[in-house]
Amino acid sequence: MDKKLVFEFLDELRESGAVNMFGATPLIVMTFGYDRDTSRKLLADWMNTFSERHPELVKNISTNKGET
């Protein structure tokens, strides 16, 4: 399993804004051929580690809260 490659795919997918990331499991299945359970785990791992891997984005999100 190449978690790094999947995470890069998910980062690019998120940046594209093409889908709600909670619905990305089928795209992991289709793109990488993993089964549904493995794909769900990969997506959950990606979500759970997002702020560690992208602290600059999380900082920007929390800084901009409340702005319109």
PDB file of N, CA and C in Angstrom:
ATOM      1  N   MET A   1       0.845  -1.174   0.000  1.00  0.00           N
ATOM      2  CA  MET A   1       0.000   0.000   0.000  1.00  0.00           C
ATOM      3  C   MET A   1       0.894   1.242   0.000  1.00  0.00           C
ATOM      4  N   ASP A   2       0.625   2.159  -0.890  1.00  0.00           N
ATOM      5  CA  ASP A   2       1.402   3.388  -0.979  1.00  0.00           C
ATOM      6  C   ASP A   2       0.578   4.546  -0.414  1.00  0.00           C
ATOM      7  N   LYS A   3       0.604   4.675   0.913  1.00  0.00           N
ATOM      8  CA  LYS A   3      -0.179   5.699   1.602  1.00  0.00           C
ATOM      9  C   LYS A   3       0.202   7.100   1.140  1.00  0.00           C
ATOM     10  N   LYS A   4       1.495   7.333   0.921  1.00  0.00           N
ATOM     11  CA  LYS A   4       1.958   8.655   0.501  1.00  0.00           C
ATOM     12  C   LYS A   4       1.316   9.061  -0.828  1.00  0.00           C
ATOM     13  N   LEU A   5       1.259   8.136  -1.757  1.00  0.00           N
ATOM     14  CA  LEU A   5       0.664   8.413  -3.062  1.00  0.00           C
ATOM     15  C   LEU A   5      -0.833   8.713  -2.932  1.00  0.00           C
ATOM     16  N   VAL A   6      -1.514   7.948  -2.107  1.00  0.00           N
ATOM     17  CA  VAL A   6      -2.951   8.184  -1.885  1.00  0.00           C
ATOM     18  C   VAL A   6      -3.159   9.551  -1.234  1.00  0.00           C
ATOM     19  N   PHE A   7      -2.330   9.893  -0.243  1.00  0.00           N
ATOM     20  CA  PHE A   7      -2.456  11.180   0.420  1.00  0.00           C
ATOM     21  C   PHE A   7      -2.211  12.325  -0.555  1.00  0.00           C
ATOM     22  N   GLU A   8      -1.248  12.174  -1.448  1.00  0.00           N
ATOM     23  CA  GLU A   8      -0.996  13.202  -2.460  1.00  0.00           C
ATOM     24  C   GLU A   8      -2.209  13.346  -3.376  1.00  0.00           C
ATOM     25  N   PHE A   9      -2.797  12.221  -3.761  1.00  0.00           N
ATOM     26  CA  PHE A   9      -4.008  12.232  -4.585  1.00  0.00           C
ATOM     27  C   PHE A   9      -5.126  12.970  -3.859  1.00  0.00           C
ATOM     28  N   LEU A  10      -5.319  12.656  -2.582  1.00  0.00           N
ATOM     29  CA  LEU A  10      -6.388  13.284  -1.807  1.00  0.00           C
ATOM     30  C   LEU A  10      -6.125  14.776  -1.602  1.00  0.00           C
ATOM     31  N   ASP A  11      -4.875  15.157  -1.398  1.00  0.00           N
ATOM     32  CA  ASP A  11      -4.545  16.581  -1.285  1.00  0.00           C
ATOM     33  C   ASP A  11      -4.913  17.325  -2.566  1.00  0.00           C
ATOM     34  N   GLU A  12      -4.563  16.753  -3.698  1.00  0.00           N
ATOM     35  CA  GLU A  12      -4.884  17.382  -4.986  1.00  0.00           C
ATOM     36  C   GLU A  12      -6.396  17.423  -5.215  1.00  0.00           C
ATOM     37  N   LEU A  13      -7.076  16.355  -4.832  1.00  0.00           N
ATOM     38  CA  LEU A  13      -8.526  16.302  -4.971  1.00  0.00           C
ATOM     39  C   LEU A  13      -9.181  17.390  -4.120  1.00  0.00           C
ATOM     40  N   ARG A  14      -8.709  17.544  -2.891  1.00  0.00           N
ATOM     41  CA  ARG A  14      -9.236  18.578  -2.000  1.00  0.00           C
ATOM     42  C   ARG A  14      -9.010  19.967  -2.598  1.00  0.00           C
ATOM     43  N   GLU A  15      -7.800  20.199  -3.089  1.00  0.00           N
ATOM     44  CA  GLU A  15      -7.474  21.500  -3.670  1.00  0.00           C
ATOM     45  C   GLU A  15      -8.333  21.818  -4.892  1.00  0.00           C
ATOM     46  N   SER A  16      -8.721  20.782  -5.622  1.00  0.00           N
ATOM     47  CA  SER A  16      -9.537  20.998  -6.820  1.00  0.00           C
ATOM     48  C   SER A  16     -10.953  21.435  -6.477  1.00  0.00           C
ATOM     49  N   GLY A  17     -11.422  21.045  -5.289  1.00  0.00           N
ATOM     50  CA  GLY A  17     -12.786  21.374  -4.904  1.00  0.00           C
ATOM     51  C   GLY A  17     -13.835  20.582  -5.652  1.00  0.00           C
ATOM     52  N   ALA A  18     -13.431  19.538  -6.348  1.00  0.00           N
ATOM     53  CA  ALA A  18     -14.337  18.778  -7.209  1.00  0.00           C
ATOM     54  C   ALA A  18     -15.349  17.935  -6.436  1.00  0.00           C
ATOM     55  N   VAL A  19     -14.980  17.489  -5.246  1.00  0.00           N
ATOM     56  CA  VAL A  19     -15.879  16.636  -4.474  1.00  0.00           C
ATOM     57  C   VAL A  19     -15.803  16.990  -2.993  1.00  0.00           C
ATOM     58  N   ASN A  20     -16.843  16.645  -2.277  1.00  0.00           N
ATOM     59  CA  ASN A  20     -16.820  16.687  -0.821  1.00  0.00           C
ATOM     60  C   ASN A  20     -15.921  15.540  -0.381  1.00  0.00           C
ATOM     61  N   MET A  21     -14.927  15.820   0.415  1.00  0.00           N
ATOM     62  CA  MET A  21     -13.938  14.806   0.767  1.00  0.00           C
ATOM     63  C   MET A  21     -14.526  13.634   1.546  1.00  0.00           C
ATOM     64  N   PHE A  22     -15.653  13.824   2.208  1.00  0.00           N
ATOM     65  CA  PHE A  22     -16.296  12.705   2.898  1.00  0.00           C
ATOM     66  C   PHE A  22     -16.788  11.653   1.903  1.00  0.00           C
ATOM     67  N   GLY A  23     -16.901  12.030   0.635  1.00  0.00           N
ATOM     68  CA  GLY A  23     -17.335  11.104  -0.402  1.00  0.00           C
ATOM     69  C   GLY A  23     -16.202  10.591  -1.275  1.00  0.00           C
ATOM     70  N   ALA A  24     -14.963  10.682  -0.800  1.00  0.00           N
ATOM     71  CA  ALA A  24     -13.812  10.323  -1.625  1.00  0.00           C
ATOM     72  C   ALA A  24     -13.492   8.830  -1.641  1.00  0.00           C
ATOM     73  N   THR A  25     -14.101   8.047  -0.768  1.00  0.00           N
ATOM     74  CA  THR A  25     -13.784   6.610  -0.718  1.00  0.00           C
ATOM     75  C   THR A  25     -13.914   5.928  -2.079  1.00  0.00           C
ATOM     76  N   PRO A  26     -15.022   6.119  -2.801  1.00  0.00           N
ATOM     77  CA  PRO A  26     -15.133   5.447  -4.106  1.00  0.00           C
ATOM     78  C   PRO A  26     -14.039   5.859  -5.098  1.00  0.00           C
ATOM     79  N   LEU A  27     -13.558   7.088  -4.988  1.00  0.00           N
ATOM     80  CA  LEU A  27     -12.494   7.533  -5.885  1.00  0.00           C
ATOM     81  C   LEU A  27     -11.177   6.832  -5.568  1.00  0.00           C
ATOM     82  N   ILE A  28     -10.931   6.562  -4.298  1.00  0.00           N
ATOM     83  CA  ILE A  28      -9.737   5.801  -3.925  1.00  0.00           C
ATOM     84  C   ILE A  28      -9.855   4.376  -4.455  1.00  0.00           C
ATOM     85  N   VAL A  29     -11.039   3.786  -4.317  1.00  0.00           N
ATOM     86  CA  VAL A  29     -11.279   2.434  -4.838  1.00  0.00           C
ATOM     87  C   VAL A  29     -11.016   2.391  -6.337  1.00  0.00           C
ATOM     88  N   MET A  30     -11.595   3.345  -7.065  1.00  0.00           N
ATOM     89  CA  MET A  30     -11.477   3.354  -8.527  1.00  0.00           C
ATOM     90  C   MET A  30     -10.051   3.672  -8.990  1.00  0.00           C
ATOM     91  N   THR A  31      -9.390   4.592  -8.319  1.00  0.00           N
ATOM     92  CA  THR A  31      -8.076   5.053  -8.763  1.00  0.00           C
ATOM     93  C   THR A  31      -6.960   4.088  -8.407  1.00  0.00           C
ATOM     94  N   PHE A  32      -7.044   3.504  -7.198  1.00  0.00           N
ATOM     95  CA  PHE A  32      -5.932   2.684  -6.703  1.00  0.00           C
ATOM     96  C   PHE A  32      -6.253   1.195  -6.609  1.00  0.00           C
ATOM     97  N   GLY A  33      -7.532   0.840  -6.743  1.00  0.00           N
ATOM     98  CA  GLY A  33      -7.909  -0.572  -6.718  1.00  0.00           C
ATOM     99  C   GLY A  33      -7.981  -1.192  -5.333  1.00  0.00           C
ATOM    100  N   TYR A  34      -7.933  -0.350  -4.282  1.00  0.00           N
ATOM    101  CA  TYR A  34      -8.076  -0.885  -2.933  1.00  0.00           C
ATOM    102  C   TYR A  34      -9.533  -1.249  -2.684  1.00  0.00           C
ATOM    103  N   ASP A  35      -9.768  -2.174  -1.748  1.00  0.00           N
ATOM    104  CA  ASP A  35     -11.148  -2.489  -1.393  1.00  0.00           C
ATOM    105  C   ASP A  35     -11.741  -1.329  -0.594  1.00  0.00           C
ATOM    106  N   ARG A  36     -13.048  -1.374  -0.400  1.00  0.00           N
ATOM    107  CA  ARG A  36     -13.764  -0.269   0.251  1.00  0.00           C
ATOM    108  C   ARG A  36     -13.259  -0.020   1.680  1.00  0.00           C
ATOM    109  N   ASP A  37     -13.046  -1.075   2.447  1.00  0.00           N
ATOM    110  CA  ASP A  37     -12.595  -0.904   3.835  1.00  0.00           C
ATOM    111  C   ASP A  37     -11.214  -0.256   3.901  1.00  0.00           C
ATOM    112  N   THR A  38     -10.304  -0.712   3.071  1.00  0.00           N
ATOM    113  CA  THR A  38      -8.964  -0.126   3.029  1.00  0.00           C
ATOM    114  C   THR A  38      -9.044   1.331   2.598  1.00  0.00           C
ATOM    115  N   SER A  39      -9.874   1.604   1.612  1.00  0.00           N
ATOM    116  CA  SER A  39     -10.029   2.977   1.123  1.00  0.00           C
ATOM    117  C   SER A  39     -10.608   3.892   2.195  1.00  0.00           C
ATOM    118  N   ARG A  40     -11.580   3.397   2.950  1.00  0.00           N
ATOM    119  CA  ARG A  40     -12.140   4.184   4.060  1.00  0.00           C
ATOM    120  C   ARG A  40     -11.070   4.487   5.106  1.00  0.00           C
ATOM    121  N   LYS A  41     -10.258   3.486   5.415  1.00  0.00           N
ATOM    122  CA  LYS A  41      -9.197   3.681   6.408  1.00  0.00           C
ATOM    123  C   LYS A  41      -8.180   4.709   5.909  1.00  0.00           C
ATOM    124  N   LEU A  42      -7.806   4.619   4.657  1.00  0.00           N
ATOM    125  CA  LEU A  42      -6.878   5.593   4.087  1.00  0.00           C
ATOM    126  C   LEU A  42      -7.449   7.010   4.150  1.00  0.00           C
ATOM    127  N   LEU A  43      -8.731   7.146   3.808  1.00  0.00           N
ATOM    128  CA  LEU A  43      -9.370   8.457   3.861  1.00  0.00           C
ATOM    129  C   LEU A  43      -9.418   8.974   5.301  1.00  0.00           C
ATOM    130  N   ALA A  44      -9.768   8.110   6.240  1.00  0.00           N
ATOM    131  CA  ALA A  44      -9.802   8.510   7.650  1.00  0.00           C
ATOM    132  C   ALA A  44      -8.414   8.912   8.135  1.00  0.00           C
ATOM    133  N   ASP A  45      -7.395   8.160   7.755  1.00  0.00           N
ATOM    134  CA  ASP A  45      -6.022   8.502   8.131  1.00  0.00           C
ATOM    135  C   ASP A  45      -5.617   9.848   7.534  1.00  0.00           C
ATOM    136  N   TRP A  46      -5.992  10.083   6.294  1.00  0.00           N
ATOM    137  CA  TRP A  46      -5.688  11.352   5.628  1.00  0.00           C
ATOM    138  C   TRP A  46      -6.355  12.502   6.385  1.00  0.00           C
ATOM    139  N   MET A  47      -7.623  12.334   6.735  1.00  0.00           N
ATOM    140  CA  MET A  47      -8.345  13.384   7.463  1.00  0.00           C
ATOM    141  C   MET A  47      -7.744  13.616   8.850  1.00  0.00           C
ATOM    142  N   ASN A  48      -7.418  12.540   9.544  1.00  0.00           N
ATOM    143  CA  ASN A  48      -6.908  12.645  10.915  1.00  0.00           C
ATOM    144  C   ASN A  48      -5.509  13.244  10.993  1.00  0.00           C
ATOM    145  N   THR A  49      -4.768  13.194   9.909  1.00  0.00           N
ATOM    146  CA  THR A  49      -3.400  13.724   9.917  1.00  0.00           C
ATOM    147  C   THR A  49      -3.265  15.010   9.101  1.00  0.00           C
ATOM    148  N   PHE A  50      -4.369  15.517   8.593  1.00  0.00           N
ATOM    149  CA  PHE A  50      -4.317  16.682   7.714  1.00  0.00           C
ATOM    150  C   PHE A  50      -3.637  17.877   8.382  1.00  0.00           C
ATOM    151  N   SER A  51      -4.032  18.191   9.610  1.00  0.00           N
ATOM    152  CA  SER A  51      -3.474  19.377  10.269  1.00  0.00           C
ATOM    153  C   SER A  51      -1.991  19.211  10.580  1.00  0.00           C
ATOM    154  N   GLU A  52      -1.545  17.979  10.795  1.00  0.00           N
ATOM    155  CA  GLU A  52      -0.116  17.735  11.022  1.00  0.00           C
ATOM    156  C   GLU A  52       0.689  17.917   9.744  1.00  0.00           C
ATOM    157  N   ARG A  53       0.090  17.496   8.627  1.00  0.00           N
ATOM    158  CA  ARG A  53       0.793  17.577   7.346  1.00  0.00           C
ATOM    159  C   ARG A  53       0.696  18.947   6.694  1.00  0.00           C
ATOM    160  N   HIS A  54      -0.334  19.724   7.069  1.00  0.00           N
ATOM    161  CA  HIS A  54      -0.561  21.035   6.449  1.00  0.00           C
ATOM    162  C   HIS A  54      -0.883  22.087   7.515  1.00  0.00           C
ATOM    163  N   PRO A  55       0.032  22.312   8.450  1.00  0.00           N
ATOM    164  CA  PRO A  55      -0.269  23.278   9.523  1.00  0.00           C
ATOM    165  C   PRO A  55      -0.540  24.692   9.008  1.00  0.00           C
ATOM    166  N   GLU A  56       0.081  25.045   7.888  1.00  0.00           N
ATOM    167  CA  GLU A  56      -0.120  26.381   7.332  1.00  0.00           C
ATOM    168  C   GLU A  56      -1.547  26.591   6.859  1.00  0.00           C
ATOM    169  N   LEU A  57      -2.182  25.549   6.355  1.00  0.00           N
ATOM    170  CA  LEU A  57      -3.575  25.647   5.908  1.00  0.00           C
ATOM    171  C   LEU A  57      -4.515  25.729   7.097  1.00  0.00           C
ATOM    172  N   VAL A  58      -4.247  24.964   8.113  1.00  0.00           N
ATOM    173  CA  VAL A  58      -5.093  24.964   9.305  1.00  0.00           C
ATOM    174  C   VAL A  58      -4.992  26.325   9.993  1.00  0.00           C
ATOM    175  N   LYS A  59      -3.795  26.891  10.031  1.00  0.00           N
ATOM    176  CA  LYS A  59      -3.610  28.215  10.625  1.00  0.00           C
ATOM    177  C   LYS A  59      -4.417  29.255   9.858  1.00  0.00           C
ATOM    178  N   ASN A  60      -4.372  29.176   8.533  1.00  0.00           N
ATOM    179  CA  ASN A  60      -5.131  30.128   7.710  1.00  0.00           C
ATOM    180  C   ASN A  60      -6.627  29.985   7.926  1.00  0.00           C
ATOM    181  N   ILE A  61      -7.110  28.787   8.072  1.00  0.00           N
ATOM    182  CA  ILE A  61      -8.541  28.543   8.291  1.00  0.00           C
ATOM    183  C   ILE A  61      -8.956  29.139   9.628  1.00  0.00           C
ATOM    184  N   SER A  62      -8.196  28.861  10.697  1.00  0.00           N
ATOM    185  CA  SER A  62      -8.570  29.362  12.015  1.00  0.00           C
ATOM    186  C   SER A  62      -8.404  30.886  12.100  1.00  0.00           C
ATOM    187  N   THR A  63      -7.466  31.455  11.380  1.00  0.00           N
ATOM    188  CA  THR A  63      -7.247  32.900  11.373  1.00  0.00           C
ATOM    189  C   THR A  63      -8.394  33.613  10.675  1.00  0.00           C
ATOM    190  N   ASN A  64      -8.962  32.988   9.642  1.00  0.00           N
ATOM    191  CA  ASN A  64     -10.010  33.629   8.845  1.00  0.00           C
ATOM    192  C   ASN A  64     -11.417  33.367   9.362  1.00  0.00           C
ATOM    193  N   LYS A  65     -11.571  32.646  10.452  1.00  0.00           N
ATOM    194  CA  LYS A  65     -12.907  32.388  10.991  1.00  0.00           C
ATOM    195  C   LYS A  65     -13.574  33.707  11.358  1.00  0.00           C
ATOM    196  N   GLY A  66     -14.825  33.793  11.011  1.00  0.00           N
ATOM    197  CA  GLY A  66     -15.584  34.976  11.362  1.00  0.00           C
ATOM    198  C   GLY A  66     -15.483  36.104  10.350  1.00  0.00           C
ATOM    199  N   GLU A  67     -14.580  35.966   9.392  1.00  0.00           N
ATOM    200  CA  GLU A  67     -14.480  36.999   8.359  1.00  0.00           C
ATOM    201  C   GLU A  67     -15.517  36.757   7.282  1.00  0.00           C
ATOM    202  N   THR A  68     -16.065  37.832   6.747  1.00  0.00           N
ATOM    203  CA  THR A  68     -17.033  37.699   5.655  1.00  0.00           C
ATOM    204  C   THR A  68     -16.604  38.486   4.463  1.00  0.00           C
TER     205      THR A  68
END
